[in-house]
Amino acid sequence: MTARTSVRIWIGFIGLTAALILLFIANLNLGSVQLTPAEIWRILIERSGERAAIILNIRLPRILSVILL
């Protein structure tokens, strides 16, 4: 493997990782119930709140299962 090929592989890996992170965040924010990023962060840290079930029981498991597949 040449140095150019190695660099291209790393650039592709970093690009795909960045896309995965952006889509992960977007998927947490998008839905029929509007949640602010501050609310989502608080729910992920405290694991409580009136809308915690939306994140912890619906959106987060869906995202993680897609990532694992």
C-alpha atoms as a PDB file:
ATOM      1  CA  MET A   1       0.000   0.000   0.000  1.00  0.00           C
ATOM      2  CA  THR A   2       1.424   3.357  -0.958  1.00  0.00           C
ATOM      3  CA  ALA A   3       1.406   6.474   1.189  1.00  0.00           C
ATOM      4  CA  ARG A   4      -1.232   8.094  -1.058  1.00  0.00           C
ATOM      5  CA  THR A   5      -3.556   5.151  -0.646  1.00  0.00           C
ATOM      6  CA  SER A   6      -3.102   5.215   3.113  1.00  0.00           C
ATOM      7  CA  VAL A   7      -3.910   8.924   3.270  1.00  0.00           C
ATOM      8  CA  ARG A   8      -6.997   8.455   1.107  1.00  0.00           C
ATOM      9  CA  ILE A   9      -8.216   5.670   3.370  1.00  0.00           C
ATOM     10  CA  TRP A  10      -7.774   7.858   6.458  1.00  0.00           C
ATOM     11  CA  ILE A  11      -9.549  10.790   4.824  1.00  0.00           C
ATOM     12  CA  GLY A  12     -12.444   8.506   3.909  1.00  0.00           C
ATOM     13  CA  PHE A  13     -12.580   7.085   7.430  1.00  0.00           C
ATOM     14  CA  ILE A  14     -12.585  10.544   9.022  1.00  0.00           C
ATOM     15  CA  GLY A  15     -15.258  11.756   6.593  1.00  0.00           C
ATOM     16  CA  LEU A  16     -17.532   8.804   7.275  1.00  0.00           C
ATOM     17  CA  THR A  17     -17.051   9.161  11.028  1.00  0.00           C
ATOM     18  CA  ALA A  18     -17.947  12.860  10.856  1.00  0.00           C
ATOM     19  CA  ALA A  19     -21.056  12.054   8.795  1.00  0.00           C
ATOM     20  CA  LEU A  20     -22.091   9.397  11.325  1.00  0.00           C
ATOM     21  CA  ILE A  21     -21.762  11.848  14.211  1.00  0.00           C
ATOM     22  CA  LEU A  22     -23.719  14.564  12.382  1.00  0.00           C
ATOM     23  CA  LEU A  23     -26.504  12.146  11.460  1.00  0.00           C
ATOM     24  CA  PHE A  24     -26.587  10.827  15.042  1.00  0.00           C
ATOM     25  CA  ILE A  25     -27.128  14.351  16.371  1.00  0.00           C
ATOM     26  CA  ALA A  26     -29.678  15.177  13.675  1.00  0.00           C
ATOM     27  CA  ASN A  27     -31.637  12.016  14.407  1.00  0.00           C
ATOM     28  CA  LEU A  28     -31.848  12.911  18.091  1.00  0.00           C
ATOM     29  CA  ASN A  29     -33.138  16.396  17.214  1.00  0.00           C
ATOM     30  CA  LEU A  30     -35.620  15.488  14.478  1.00  0.00           C
ATOM     31  CA  GLY A  31     -39.040  14.084  15.226  1.00  0.00           C
ATOM     32  CA  SER A  32     -42.654  14.991  15.754  1.00  0.00           C
ATOM     33  CA  VAL A  33     -41.875  16.231  19.276  1.00  0.00           C
ATOM     34  CA  GLN A  34     -39.586  19.247  19.138  1.00  0.00           C
ATOM     35  CA  LEU A  35     -36.735  19.074  21.635  1.00  0.00           C
ATOM     36  CA  THR A  36     -33.996  21.624  22.008  1.00  0.00           C
ATOM     37  CA  PRO A  37     -30.370  20.468  22.109  1.00  0.00           C
ATOM     38  CA  ALA A  38     -30.240  21.614  25.753  1.00  0.00           C
ATOM     39  CA  GLU A  39     -33.228  19.384  26.616  1.00  0.00           C
ATOM     40  CA  ILE A  40     -31.661  16.401  24.840  1.00  0.00           C
ATOM     41  CA  TRP A  41     -28.350  16.928  26.633  1.00  0.00           C
ATOM     42  CA  ARG A  42     -30.128  17.198  30.016  1.00  0.00           C
ATOM     43  CA  ILE A  43     -32.090  14.011  29.331  1.00  0.00           C
ATOM     44  CA  LEU A  44     -28.936  12.111  28.349  1.00  0.00           C
ATOM     45  CA  ILE A  45     -27.095  13.277  31.491  1.00  0.00           C
ATOM     46  CA  GLU A  46     -29.875  13.073  34.096  1.00  0.00           C
ATOM     47  CA  ARG A  47     -31.985  10.312  32.493  1.00  0.00           C
ATOM     48  CA  SER A  48     -35.130  11.971  33.801  1.00  0.00           C
ATOM     49  CA  GLY A  49     -37.733  14.482  32.717  1.00  0.00           C
ATOM     50  CA  GLU A  50     -41.146  14.398  31.163  1.00  0.00           C
ATOM     51  CA  ARG A  51     -39.797  13.836  27.644  1.00  0.00           C
ATOM     52  CA  ALA A  52     -37.025  11.415  28.636  1.00  0.00           C
ATOM     53  CA  ALA A  53     -39.003   8.418  27.371  1.00  0.00           C
ATOM     54  CA  ILE A  54     -38.940   9.845  23.840  1.00  0.00           C
ATOM     55  CA  ILE A  55     -35.152   9.987  23.785  1.00  0.00           C
ATOM     56  CA  LEU A  56     -34.287   6.981  25.944  1.00  0.00           C
ATOM     57  CA  ASN A  57     -36.940   4.524  24.733  1.00  0.00           C
ATOM     58  CA  ILE A  58     -37.506   5.514  21.097  1.00  0.00           C
ATOM     59  CA  ARG A  59     -34.859   7.673  19.440  1.00  0.00           C
ATOM     60  CA  LEU A  60     -31.660   6.451  21.111  1.00  0.00           C
ATOM     61  CA  PRO A  61     -32.339   2.701  20.712  1.00  0.00           C
ATOM     62  CA  ARG A  62     -33.330   3.259  17.074  1.00  0.00           C
ATOM     63  CA  ILE A  63     -30.112   5.128  16.344  1.00  0.00           C
ATOM     64  CA  LEU A  64     -27.905   2.615  18.115  1.00  0.00           C
ATOM     65  CA  SER A  65     -29.520  -0.347  16.364  1.00  0.00           C
ATOM     66  CA  VAL A  66     -28.942   1.269  12.971  1.00  0.00           C
ATOM     67  CA  ILE A  67     -25.294   1.937  13.831  1.00  0.00           C
ATOM     68  CA  LEU A  68     -24.788  -1.679  14.922  1.00  0.00           C
ATOM     69  CA  LEU A  69     -26.357  -3.040  11.756  1.00  0.00           C
END
